[in-house]
Each structure stands twice: as structure tokens, then as C-alpha cells.
C-alpha atoms as a PDB file:
ATOM      1  CA  UNK A   1     -24.553  -4.120   5.242  1.00  0.00           C
ATOM      2  CA  UNK A   2     -21.322  -2.929   6.739  1.00  0.00           C
ATOM      3  CA  UNK A   3     -20.198   0.529   5.546  1.00  0.00           C
ATOM      4  CA  UNK A   4     -16.593   1.720   5.769  1.00  0.00           C
ATOM      5  CA  UNK A   5     -16.551   5.449   5.061  1.00  0.00           C
ATOM      6  CA  UNK A   6     -13.174   6.881   4.008  1.00  0.00           C
ATOM      7  CA  UNK A   7     -14.545  10.180   2.665  1.00  0.00           C
ATOM      8  CA  UNK A   8     -11.954  12.943   3.157  1.00  0.00           C
ATOM      9  CA  UNK A   9     -12.636  16.325   4.771  1.00  0.00           C
ATOM     10  CA  UNK A  10     -15.695  15.194   6.720  1.00  0.00           C
ATOM     11  CA  UNK A  11     -16.058  15.498  10.492  1.00  0.00           C
ATOM     12  CA  UNK A  12     -16.723  12.722  13.007  1.00  0.00           C
ATOM     13  CA  UNK A  13     -20.464  12.942  12.315  1.00  0.00           C
ATOM     14  CA  UNK A  14     -19.957  12.478   8.576  1.00  0.00           C
ATOM     15  CA  UNK A  15     -20.767  16.101   7.721  1.00  0.00           C
ATOM     16  CA  UNK A  16     -18.769  18.398   5.456  1.00  0.00           C
ATOM     17  CA  UNK A  17     -18.777  22.057   6.468  1.00  0.00           C
ATOM     18  CA  UNK A  18     -18.591  25.005   4.101  1.00  0.00           C
ATOM     19  CA  UNK A  19     -14.799  25.398   4.286  1.00  0.00           C
ATOM     20  CA  UNK A  20     -14.204  21.666   3.751  1.00  0.00           C
ATOM     21  CA  UNK A  21     -16.608  21.750   0.805  1.00  0.00           C
ATOM     22  CA  UNK A  22     -14.567  24.492  -0.842  1.00  0.00           C
ATOM     23  CA  UNK A  23     -11.335  22.608  -0.170  1.00  0.00           C
ATOM     24  CA  UNK A  24     -12.751  19.406  -1.640  1.00  0.00           C
ATOM     25  CA  UNK A  25     -14.058  21.228  -4.702  1.00  0.00           C
ATOM     26  CA  UNK A  26     -10.662  22.792  -5.345  1.00  0.00           C
ATOM     27  CA  UNK A  27      -8.915  19.443  -4.940  1.00  0.00           C
ATOM     28  CA  UNK A  28     -11.353  17.013  -6.577  1.00  0.00           C
ATOM     29  CA  UNK A  29     -13.401  19.215  -8.917  1.00  0.00           C
ATOM     30  CA  UNK A  30     -16.900  20.678  -9.105  1.00  0.00           C
ATOM     31  CA  UNK A  31     -18.566  17.254  -9.351  1.00  0.00           C
ATOM     32  CA  UNK A  32     -17.117  16.059  -6.041  1.00  0.00           C
ATOM     33  CA  UNK A  33     -19.749  17.299  -3.604  1.00  0.00           C
ATOM     34  CA  UNK A  34     -22.833  16.609  -5.802  1.00  0.00           C
ATOM     35  CA  UNK A  35     -21.592  13.043  -6.283  1.00  0.00           C
ATOM     36  CA  UNK A  36     -21.164  12.666  -2.513  1.00  0.00           C
ATOM     37  CA  UNK A  37     -24.855  13.507  -2.153  1.00  0.00           C
ATOM     38  CA  UNK A  38     -25.688  10.994  -4.894  1.00  0.00           C
ATOM     39  CA  UNK A  39     -23.695   8.362  -3.003  1.00  0.00           C
ATOM     40  CA  UNK A  40     -25.857   8.897   0.081  1.00  0.00           C
ATOM     41  CA  UNK A  41     -28.997   8.191  -1.938  1.00  0.00           C
ATOM     42  CA  UNK A  42     -27.589   4.987  -3.446  1.00  0.00           C
ATOM     43  CA  UNK A  43     -26.080   3.817  -0.154  1.00  0.00           C
ATOM     44  CA  UNK A  44     -29.369   4.333   1.665  1.00  0.00           C
ATOM     45  CA  UNK A  45     -31.230   2.090  -0.771  1.00  0.00           C
ATOM     46  CA  UNK A  46     -28.546  -0.608  -0.866  1.00  0.00           C
ATOM     47  CA  UNK A  47     -28.328  -0.669   2.920  1.00  0.00           C
ATOM     48  CA  UNK A  48     -32.048  -1.484   3.120  1.00  0.00           C
ATOM     49  CA  UNK A  49     -31.850  -4.218   0.492  1.00  0.00           C
ATOM     50  CA  UNK A  50     -28.585  -6.036   1.152  1.00  0.00           C
ATOM     51  CA  UNK A  51     -28.227  -8.395   4.064  1.00  0.00           C
ATOM     52  CA  UNK A  52     -25.335  -9.642   6.140  1.00  0.00           C
ATOM     53  CA  UNK A  53     -22.262 -10.535   4.136  1.00  0.00           C
ATOM     54  CA  UNK A  54     -21.932  -7.274   2.187  1.00  0.00           C
ATOM     55  CA  UNK A  55     -19.399  -4.502   2.766  1.00  0.00           C
ATOM     56  CA  UNK A  56     -19.409  -1.090   1.082  1.00  0.00           C
ATOM     57  CA  UNK A  57     -16.187   0.946   1.133  1.00  0.00           C
ATOM     58  CA  UNK A  58     -16.898   4.586   0.355  1.00  0.00           C
ATOM     59  CA  UNK A  59     -14.390   6.977  -1.243  1.00  0.00           C
ATOM     60  CA  UNK A  60     -11.318   4.809  -0.802  1.00  0.00           C
ATOM     61  CA  UNK A  61      -8.115   6.740  -1.638  1.00  0.00           C
ATOM     62  CA  UNK A  62      -5.540   4.739  -3.562  1.00  0.00           C
ATOM     63  CA  UNK A  63      -2.137   5.066  -1.835  1.00  0.00           C
ATOM     64  CA  UNK A  64       0.349   7.458  -3.449  1.00  0.00           C
ATOM     65  CA  UNK A  65      -2.347   8.625  -5.861  1.00  0.00           C
ATOM     66  CA  UNK A  66      -4.987  11.399  -6.034  1.00  0.00           C
ATOM     67  CA  UNK A  67      -7.577   8.812  -7.152  1.00  0.00           C
ATOM     68  CA  UNK A  68     -10.637   8.152  -4.989  1.00  0.00           C
ATOM     69  CA  UNK A  69     -12.605   4.979  -5.707  1.00  0.00           C
ATOM     70  CA  UNK A  70     -16.201   6.192  -5.105  1.00  0.00           C
ATOM     71  CA  UNK A  71     -17.796   2.978  -3.829  1.00  0.00           C
ATOM     72  CA  UNK A  72     -16.543  -0.609  -3.602  1.00  0.00           C
ATOM     73  CA  UNK A  73     -19.323  -3.098  -2.896  1.00  0.00           C
ATOM     74  CA  UNK A  74     -18.088  -6.542  -1.819  1.00  0.00           C
ATOM     75  CA  UNK A  75     -20.465  -9.484  -1.555  1.00  0.00           C
ATOM     76  CA  UNK A  76     -20.139 -13.226  -1.161  1.00  0.00           C
ATOM     77  CA  UNK A  77     -20.205 -13.678  -4.929  1.00  0.00           C
ATOM     78  CA  UNK A  78     -19.500 -10.255  -6.404  1.00  0.00           C
ATOM     79  CA  UNK A  79     -17.304  -7.157  -6.292  1.00  0.00           C
ATOM     80  CA  UNK A  80     -18.545  -3.917  -7.846  1.00  0.00           C
ATOM     81  CA  UNK A  81     -16.929  -0.523  -8.303  1.00  0.00           C
ATOM     82  CA  UNK A  82     -19.826   1.951  -8.317  1.00  0.00           C
ATOM     83  CA  UNK A  83     -19.994   5.552  -9.505  1.00  0.00           C
ATOM     84  CA  UNK A  84     -23.142   7.378  -8.366  1.00  0.00           C
ATOM     85  CA  UNK A  85     -24.061  10.408 -10.456  1.00  0.00           C
ATOM     86  CA  UNK A  86     -26.720  13.087  -9.836  1.00  0.00           C
ATOM     87  CA  UNK A  87     -27.219  13.916 -13.544  1.00  0.00           C
ATOM     88  CA  UNK A  88     -30.676  14.723 -14.935  1.00  0.00           C
ATOM     89  CA  UNK A  89     -31.906  14.495 -18.476  1.00  0.00           C
ATOM     90  CA  UNK A  90     -31.961  12.018 -21.319  1.00  0.00           C
ATOM     91  CA  UNK A  91     -28.697  10.170 -21.947  1.00  0.00           C
ATOM     92  CA  UNK A  92     -27.363   7.418 -24.172  1.00  0.00           C
ATOM     93  CA  UNK A  93     -24.744   4.827 -23.174  1.00  0.00           C
ATOM     94  CA  UNK A  94     -23.403   3.115 -26.290  1.00  0.00           C
ATOM     95  CA  UNK A  95     -20.214   1.103 -25.933  1.00  0.00           C
ATOM     96  CA  UNK A  96     -17.760   3.535 -24.361  1.00  0.00           C
ATOM     97  CA  UNK A  97     -19.711   6.635 -25.463  1.00  0.00           C
ATOM     98  CA  UNK A  98     -21.713   8.740 -23.041  1.00  0.00           C
ATOM     99  CA  UNK A  99     -24.027  11.097 -24.919  1.00  0.00           C
ATOM    100  CA  UNK A 100     -26.812  13.498 -24.036  1.00  0.00           C
ATOM    101  CA  UNK A 101     -29.868  13.354 -26.250  1.00  0.00           C
ATOM    102  CA  UNK A 102     -30.973  16.856 -27.192  1.00  0.00           C
ATOM    103  CA  UNK A 103     -34.471  17.991 -28.155  1.00  0.00           C
ATOM    104  CA  UNK A 104     -34.527  16.488 -31.634  1.00  0.00           C
ATOM    105  CA  UNK A 105     -33.198  13.171 -30.302  1.00  0.00           C
ATOM    106  CA  UNK A 106     -29.723  13.459 -31.766  1.00  0.00           C
ATOM    107  CA  UNK A 107     -26.831  12.422 -29.468  1.00  0.00           C
ATOM    108  CA  UNK A 108     -24.239  14.944 -28.344  1.00  0.00           C
ATOM    109  CA  UNK A 109     -21.116  13.679 -26.533  1.00  0.00           C
ATOM    110  CA  UNK A 110     -20.851  14.837 -22.942  1.00  0.00           C
ATOM    111  CA  UNK A 111     -17.633  16.562 -22.003  1.00  0.00           C
ATOM    112  CA  UNK A 112     -17.363  14.339 -18.917  1.00  0.00           C
ATOM    113  CA  UNK A 113     -17.639  10.743 -20.090  1.00  0.00           C
ATOM    114  CA  UNK A 114     -19.005   8.866 -17.073  1.00  0.00           C
ATOM    115  CA  UNK A 115     -18.648   5.468 -18.753  1.00  0.00           C
ATOM    116  CA  UNK A 116     -14.985   6.042 -19.481  1.00  0.00           C
ATOM    117  CA  UNK A 117     -14.485   7.387 -15.941  1.00  0.00           C
ATOM    118  CA  UNK A 118     -15.968   4.367 -14.143  1.00  0.00           C
ATOM    119  CA  UNK A 119     -14.069   1.996 -16.452  1.00  0.00           C
ATOM    120  CA  UNK A 120     -10.771   3.713 -15.597  1.00  0.00           C
ATOM    121  CA  UNK A 121     -11.566   3.717 -11.873  1.00  0.00           C
ATOM    122  CA  UNK A 122     -12.293  -0.017 -12.033  1.00  0.00           C
ATOM    123  CA  UNK A 123      -8.996  -0.730 -13.810  1.00  0.00           C
ATOM    124  CA  UNK A 124      -7.114   1.376 -11.254  1.00  0.00           C
ATOM    125  CA  UNK A 125      -8.718  -0.620  -8.436  1.00  0.00           C
ATOM    126  CA  UNK A 126      -7.817  -3.919 -10.129  1.00  0.00           C
ATOM    127  CA  UNK A 127      -4.190  -2.795 -10.464  1.00  0.00           C
ATOM    128  CA  UNK A 128      -4.230  -1.903  -6.773  1.00  0.00           C
ATOM    129  CA  UNK A 129      -5.379  -5.430  -5.922  1.00  0.00           C
ATOM    130  CA  UNK A 130      -2.678  -6.990  -8.122  1.00  0.00           C
ATOM    131  CA  UNK A 131       0.037  -4.735  -6.718  1.00  0.00           C
ATOM    132  CA  UNK A 132      -0.811  -5.766  -3.159  1.00  0.00           C
ATOM    133  CA  UNK A 133      -1.204  -9.453  -4.036  1.00  0.00           C
ATOM    134  CA  UNK A 134      -4.912  -9.445  -3.128  1.00  0.00           C
ATOM    135  CA  UNK A 135      -6.544 -12.291  -5.032  1.00  0.00           C
ATOM    136  CA  UNK A 136     -10.299 -12.325  -5.605  1.00  0.00           C
ATOM    137  CA  UNK A 137     -12.243 -15.238  -7.071  1.00  0.00           C
ATOM    138  CA  UNK A 138     -14.850 -13.089  -8.834  1.00  0.00           C
ATOM    139  CA  UNK A 139     -14.496 -10.439 -11.558  1.00  0.00           C
ATOM    140  CA  UNK A 140     -14.656  -6.776 -10.590  1.00  0.00           C
ATOM    141  CA  UNK A 141     -17.629  -5.121 -12.309  1.00  0.00           C
ATOM    142  CA  UNK A 142     -17.924  -1.432 -13.190  1.00  0.00           C
ATOM    143  CA  UNK A 143     -21.343   0.030 -12.356  1.00  0.00           C
ATOM    144  CA  UNK A 144     -22.765   3.494 -13.098  1.00  0.00           C
ATOM    145  CA  UNK A 145     -25.894   4.445 -11.109  1.00  0.00           C
ATOM    146  CA  UNK A 146     -27.994   7.568 -11.644  1.00  0.00           C
ATOM    147  CA  UNK A 147     -29.416   8.601  -8.276  1.00  0.00           C
ATOM    148  CA  UNK A 148     -31.966  11.110  -9.608  1.00  0.00           C
ATOM    149  CA  UNK A 149     -35.275   9.778 -10.989  1.00  0.00           C
ATOM    150  CA  UNK A 150     -35.090  12.519 -13.605  1.00  0.00           C
ATOM    151  CA  UNK A 151     -32.286  10.720 -15.447  1.00  0.00           C
ATOM    152  CA  UNK A 152     -33.416   8.629 -18.414  1.00  0.00           C
ATOM    153  CA  UNK A 153     -30.686   6.417 -19.906  1.00  0.00           C
ATOM    154  CA  UNK A 154     -30.802   4.331 -23.070  1.00  0.00           C
ATOM    155  CA  UNK A 155     -28.138   1.601 -23.076  1.00  0.00           C
ATOM    156  CA  UNK A 156     -26.658  -0.396 -25.939  1.00  0.00           C
ATOM    157  CA  UNK A 157     -23.859  -2.774 -24.896  1.00  0.00           C
ATOM    158  CA  UNK A 158     -22.095  -0.234 -22.647  1.00  0.00           C
ATOM    159  CA  UNK A 159     -18.655  -0.999 -21.214  1.00  0.00           C
ATOM    160  CA  UNK A 160     -20.122  -0.745 -17.686  1.00  0.00           C
ATOM    161  CA  UNK A 161     -23.436  -1.687 -16.124  1.00  0.00           C
ATOM    162  CA  UNK A 162     -25.692   1.366 -16.266  1.00  0.00           C
ATOM    163  CA  UNK A 163     -28.610   1.688 -13.841  1.00  0.00           C
ATOM    164  CA  UNK A 164     -31.348   4.225 -13.357  1.00  0.00           C
ATOM    165  CA  UNK A 165     -32.551   5.015  -9.843  1.00  0.00           C
ATOM    166  CA  UNK A 166     -35.541   2.693 -10.166  1.00  0.00           C
ATOM    167  CA  UNK A 167     -33.257  -0.246 -11.018  1.00  0.00           C
ATOM    168  CA  UNK A 168     -31.259  -0.218  -7.758  1.00  0.00           C
ATOM    169  CA  UNK A 169     -33.630  -2.747  -6.186  1.00  0.00           C
ATOM    170  CA  UNK A 170     -33.214  -5.102  -9.135  1.00  0.00           C
ATOM    171  CA  UNK A 171     -29.443  -4.687  -8.919  1.00  0.00           C
ATOM    172  CA  UNK A 172     -29.458  -5.613  -5.221  1.00  0.00           C
ATOM    173  CA  UNK A 173     -31.646  -8.661  -5.898  1.00  0.00           C
ATOM    174  CA  UNK A 174     -29.183  -9.812  -8.566  1.00  0.00           C
ATOM    175  CA  UNK A 175     -26.305  -9.542  -6.101  1.00  0.00           C
ATOM    176  CA  UNK A 176     -28.204 -11.564  -3.514  1.00  0.00           C
ATOM    177  CA  UNK A 177     -28.770 -14.315  -6.067  1.00  0.00           C
ATOM    178  CA  UNK A 178     -25.105 -14.593  -7.045  1.00  0.00           C
ATOM    179  CA  UNK A 179     -23.479 -17.946  -6.272  1.00  0.00           C
ATOM    180  CA  UNK A 180     -21.501 -17.381  -3.052  1.00  0.00           C
ATOM    181  CA  UNK A 181     -17.773 -18.045  -3.286  1.00  0.00           C
ATOM    182  CA  UNK A 182     -16.866 -16.452   0.053  1.00  0.00           C
ATOM    183  CA  UNK A 183     -18.216 -16.725   3.557  1.00  0.00           C
ATOM    184  CA  UNK A 184     -19.373 -13.530   5.304  1.00  0.00           C
ATOM    185  CA  UNK A 185     -16.266 -13.525   7.519  1.00  0.00           C
ATOM    186  CA  UNK A 186     -14.099 -13.799   4.405  1.00  0.00           C
ATOM    187  CA  UNK A 187     -15.897 -10.813   2.898  1.00  0.00           C
ATOM    188  CA  UNK A 188     -15.116  -8.752   5.996  1.00  0.00           C
ATOM    189  CA  UNK A 189     -11.498  -9.935   5.990  1.00  0.00           C
ATOM    190  CA  UNK A 190     -11.148  -9.004   2.309  1.00  0.00           C
ATOM    191  CA  UNK A 191     -12.510  -5.523   2.974  1.00  0.00           C
ATOM    192  CA  UNK A 192     -10.085  -5.046   5.864  1.00  0.00           C
ATOM    193  CA  UNK A 193      -7.192  -6.158   3.693  1.00  0.00           C
ATOM    194  CA  UNK A 194      -8.187  -3.741   0.947  1.00  0.00           C
ATOM    195  CA  UNK A 195      -8.208  -0.913   3.465  1.00  0.00           C
ATOM    196  CA  UNK A 196      -4.915  -1.982   5.042  1.00  0.00           C
ATOM    197  CA  UNK A 197      -3.029  -4.398   2.745  1.00  0.00           C
ATOM    198  CA  UNK A 198      -0.477  -6.609   4.423  1.00  0.00           C
ATOM    199  CA  UNK A 199       3.104  -6.685   3.092  1.00  0.00           C
ATOM    200  CA  UNK A 200       3.950  -9.497   0.720  1.00  0.00           C
ATOM    201  CA  UNK A 201       5.866 -12.290   2.490  1.00  0.00           C
ATOM    202  CA  UNK A 202       8.347 -14.467   0.607  1.00  0.00           C
ATOM    203  CA  UNK A 203       6.912 -17.909   1.359  1.00  0.00           C
ATOM    204  CA  UNK A 204       9.871 -19.756  -0.216  1.00  0.00           C
ATOM    205  CA  UNK A 205      12.262 -18.057   2.197  1.00  0.00           C
ATOM    206  CA  UNK A 206      10.046 -18.945   5.135  1.00  0.00           C
ATOM    207  CA  UNK A 207       9.818 -22.554   3.980  1.00  0.00           C
ATOM    208  CA  UNK A 208      13.589 -22.875   3.775  1.00  0.00           C
ATOM    209  CA  UNK A 209      13.861 -21.736   7.381  1.00  0.00           C
ATOM    210  CA  UNK A 210      11.045 -23.868   8.750  1.00  0.00           C
ATOM    211  CA  UNK A 211      11.965 -27.188   7.137  1.00  0.00           C
ATOM    212  CA  UNK A 212      15.486 -27.136   8.599  1.00  0.00           C
ATOM    213  CA  UNK A 213      17.255 -26.823   5.235  1.00  0.00           C
ATOM    214  CA  UNK A 214      19.746 -23.952   5.007  1.00  0.00           C
ATOM    215  CA  UNK A 215      18.577 -21.365   2.472  1.00  0.00           C
ATOM    216  CA  UNK A 216      22.086 -20.676   1.214  1.00  0.00           C
ATOM    217  CA  UNK A 217      25.778 -21.400   1.748  1.00  0.00           C
ATOM    218  CA  UNK A 218      26.058 -18.327   3.939  1.00  0.00           C
ATOM    219  CA  UNK A 219      23.115 -19.512   6.035  1.00  0.00           C
ATOM    220  CA  UNK A 220      24.763 -22.910   6.427  1.00  0.00           C
ATOM    221  CA  UNK A 221      27.931 -21.302   7.707  1.00  0.00           C
ATOM    222  CA  UNK A 222      25.914 -19.192  10.136  1.00  0.00           C
ATOM    223  CA  UNK A 223      24.010 -22.225  11.440  1.00  0.00           C
ATOM    224  CA  UNK A 224      27.222 -24.160  11.918  1.00  0.00           C
ATOM    225  CA  UNK A 225      28.890 -21.312  13.776  1.00  0.00           C
ATOM    226  CA  UNK A 226      26.010 -21.109  16.240  1.00  0.00           C
ATOM    227  CA  UNK A 227      26.462 -24.813  16.985  1.00  0.00           C
ATOM    228  CA  UNK A 228      30.133 -24.443  17.820  1.00  0.00           C
ATOM    229  CA  UNK A 229      31.472 -25.821  14.520  1.00  0.00           C
ATOM    230  CA  UNK A 230      33.331 -23.207  12.505  1.00  0.00           C
ATOM    231  CA  UNK A 231      32.801 -24.977   9.142  1.00  0.00           C
ATOM    232  CA  UNK A 232      30.152 -27.640   8.353  1.00  0.00           C
ATOM    233  CA  UNK A 233      31.368 -31.080   7.219  1.00  0.00           C
ATOM    234  CA  UNK A 234      29.871 -30.786   3.716  1.00  0.00           C
ATOM    235  CA  UNK A 235      31.762 -27.543   3.159  1.00  0.00           C
ATOM    236  CA  UNK A 236      34.989 -29.093   4.426  1.00  0.00           C
ATOM    237  CA  UNK A 237      34.698 -31.868   1.850  1.00  0.00           C
ATOM    238  CA  UNK A 238      33.905 -29.540  -1.036  1.00  0.00           C
ATOM    239  CA  UNK A 239      36.492 -26.886  -0.183  1.00  0.00           C
ATOM    240  CA  UNK A 240      40.197 -27.741  -0.402  1.00  0.00           C
ATOM    241  CA  UNK A 241      42.236 -27.264   2.725  1.00  0.00           C
ATOM    242  CA  UNK A 242      44.243 -24.080   2.722  1.00  0.00           C
ATOM    243  CA  UNK A 243      47.509 -23.762   4.610  1.00  0.00           C
ATOM    244  CA  UNK A 244      47.409 -21.361   7.448  1.00  0.00           C
ATOM    245  CA  UNK A 245      49.490 -18.238   6.854  1.00  0.00           C
ATOM    246  CA  UNK A 246      52.743 -18.102   8.756  1.00  0.00           C
ATOM    247  CA  UNK A 247      52.722 -15.590  11.483  1.00  0.00           C
ATOM    248  CA  UNK A 248      55.375 -12.891  11.427  1.00  0.00           C
ATOM    249  CA  UNK A 249      58.155 -13.266  14.007  1.00  0.00           C
ATOM    250  CA  UNK A 250      57.500 -11.327  17.145  1.00  0.00           C
ATOM    251  CA  UNK A 251      59.923  -8.582  17.986  1.00  0.00           C
ATOM    252  CA  UNK A 252      61.536  -8.616  21.367  1.00  0.00           C
ATOM    253  CA  UNK A 253      60.271  -5.963  23.730  1.00  0.00           C
ATOM    254  CA  UNK A 254      63.663  -5.802  25.623  1.00  0.00           C
ATOM    255  CA  UNK A 255      65.980  -2.738  25.184  1.00  0.00           C
ATOM    256  CA  UNK A 256      69.422  -3.301  23.764  1.00  0.00           C
ATOM    257  CA  UNK A 257      72.619  -1.872  25.230  1.00  0.00           C
ATOM    258  CA  UNK A 258      72.775   1.206  22.954  1.00  0.00           C
ATOM    259  CA  UNK A 259      69.247   2.230  23.868  1.00  0.00           C
ATOM    260  CA  UNK A 260      70.003   1.921  27.575  1.00  0.00           C
ATOM    261  CA  UNK A 261      73.125   4.114  27.289  1.00  0.00           C
ATOM    262  CA  UNK A 262      71.177   6.720  25.268  1.00  0.00           C
ATOM    263  CA  UNK A 263      68.489   6.896  27.931  1.00  0.00           C
ATOM    264  CA  UNK A 264      71.101   7.355  30.690  1.00  0.00           C
ATOM    265  CA  UNK A 265      72.817  10.192  28.794  1.00  0.00           C
ATOM    266  CA  UNK A 266      69.509  11.959  28.162  1.00  0.00           C
ATOM    267  CA  UNK A 267      68.612  11.646  31.837  1.00  0.00           C
ATOM    268  CA  UNK A 268      71.955  13.126  32.954  1.00  0.00           C
ATOM    269  CA  UNK A 269      71.609  16.036  30.519  1.00  0.00           C
ATOM    270  CA  UNK A 270      68.108  16.782  31.776  1.00  0.00           C
ATOM    271  CA  UNK A 271      69.346  16.813  35.375  1.00  0.00           C
ATOM    272  CA  UNK A 272      72.122  19.234  34.427  1.00  0.00           C
ATOM    273  CA  UNK A 273      69.668  21.604  32.758  1.00  0.00           C
ATOM    274  CA  UNK A 274      67.424  21.564  35.801  1.00  0.00           C
ATOM    275  CA  UNK A 275      70.362  22.174  38.176  1.00  0.00           C
ATOM    276  CA  UNK A 276      71.671  25.077  36.064  1.00  0.00           C
ATOM    277  CA  UNK A 277      68.248  26.704  36.045  1.00  0.00           C
ATOM    278  CA  UNK A 278      67.933  26.385  39.783  1.00  0.00           C
ATOM    279  CA  UNK A 279      71.436  27.856  40.310  1.00  0.00           C
ATOM    280  CA  UNK A 280      70.683  30.912  38.160  1.00  0.00           C
ATOM    281  CA  UNK A 281      67.363  31.593  39.882  1.00  0.00           C
ATOM    282  CA  UNK A 282      68.971  31.253  43.373  1.00  0.00           C
ATOM    283  CA  UNK A 283      71.818  33.755  42.782  1.00  0.00           C
ATOM    284  CA  UNK A 284      69.626  36.255  40.893  1.00  0.00           C
ATOM    285  CA  UNK A 285      67.270  36.426  43.844  1.00  0.00           C
END
């Protein structure tokens, strides 16, 4: 099984030091680090059971969102969003309710509803796929797995698949028996696209350019201009001929007689001023 680990705040070896643990707890809550440890337990078992053709994406951050999808398991015939929890005790999963059974056997709602949480995470992941135009041929299933053997869970039509730690092997066997709808290389390509979605391309615009048909009137004009024809024939027939505007008469650049005389007078006056200044300076010195 191929594992793509996107866990934040961990070093190159996959470890989280004390400072990073505090930072992650402040950012993601007190359950963040214990659930990371629970993920390691579940991942270790799945990695031993699942063969080639499965990819597990761990702690995938949704873009422009504080949401981390804990685990996304992609197979040839299945896609699962998995929440691993380290809880201990006796619990009850009924519909969308997540209850703890106390000593007398009566259910008490847990403040942190794990069923509701995994259902919301699964819907957020599905919206992410739709937003990025990533089509999958199988439904996305929400799965809650208790990693500790000390967790006993009674289920009655829960909104997500609920598994105890001793049922992980059965879960993996079920995934292996799913009817394949994708080849292993397609599974890997889908995982890569989830990690780095490609921008949506307007196929209709590309088709209009590849089949030789102008996409618009403006495109037709542009194509014609590149071929040396200012206006295509079909536009000439549909557009009435417009008379060319008459150009304004050009003014003559030659000087008339009055302008010539004025220039001569101004030149003579300038020469007189220069001569008078030179005369004054000569006699004063």
C-alpha cells in the first residue's frame, strides 16, 4: 500500500517534537496528537493487509480551510474517509448519535460526537472533489475505527461504518473483494490529482480552436487579419459597406508674405538690441 503522509508539523523522519506537539494542540485541539497515534496503529494493520493498488493519504489539508481529512483510503473499487480514535470504554452508535454507556447501561451523549464528525469530514471531502471536477465512480464511505482493543461499540444503523480494532482485518478483506472499477495506475493517478488538482479546462473552447471553426466573430476577424485579409468574406456580405470618412484638407506648410515680413522685423530688432548692449559695455569699460 502506498502511503502519502501530509501530516503538518512533523519532521523529515515523521516525528513530532515537543514544541510541534504544543503548536498542533493549540491549532487543532487536544484530540489531535492522540488521534495521530491511533492513525499509526490503523495504518500499520492496513499496510500489512492491503496489496498493490491501494493508496492512503494521511492528514490531507483542504485548501483555504483549517480542515484536515484524517485518512483517505483509495482502492480499485472503493474510497473511504477514515477517522481513527483512541477512545476506551463502552460506546453506542445509533443513527447519528454517539453515546457512552455508563455503569447501569444507560446511554449518555458524548460531548464530541465522532459519528457526526466523520460524516461532516466525508461531506467536506466530497465537496472538494466536486469543486475540483474530480469524478469518482464509487461512493465515498465514512468509516470510524477504534484503535484501542479496550473500546467496545454497539452499533445500530449508524450513519458511518463503525469498526472495533479486531474488525480491521475483516474491513481490509471486504475492500479486497470489492469489484474493481479502476486499474492500479488509475488509483495512483487519482491520489496524485487529489493532492494536486489540475485546473479545469474549458473543453468547448479548445474544440472550437482545434476543429478550425472560429469561436466567435472577434476570433474570425483575428484569423483573417493574420492571413492578410482585413475582413473575411462572410463578414463583408453580412455587413453593409460604409463610406470612408473624408479626410480634412491639409494645410500648407509655406509661410505667407505677412509672416515673412514679421520675421524680418523681429530679426532686425534683435540685432539692434544686441548692438546697443555691446556699445554700452564697450564705452563703460
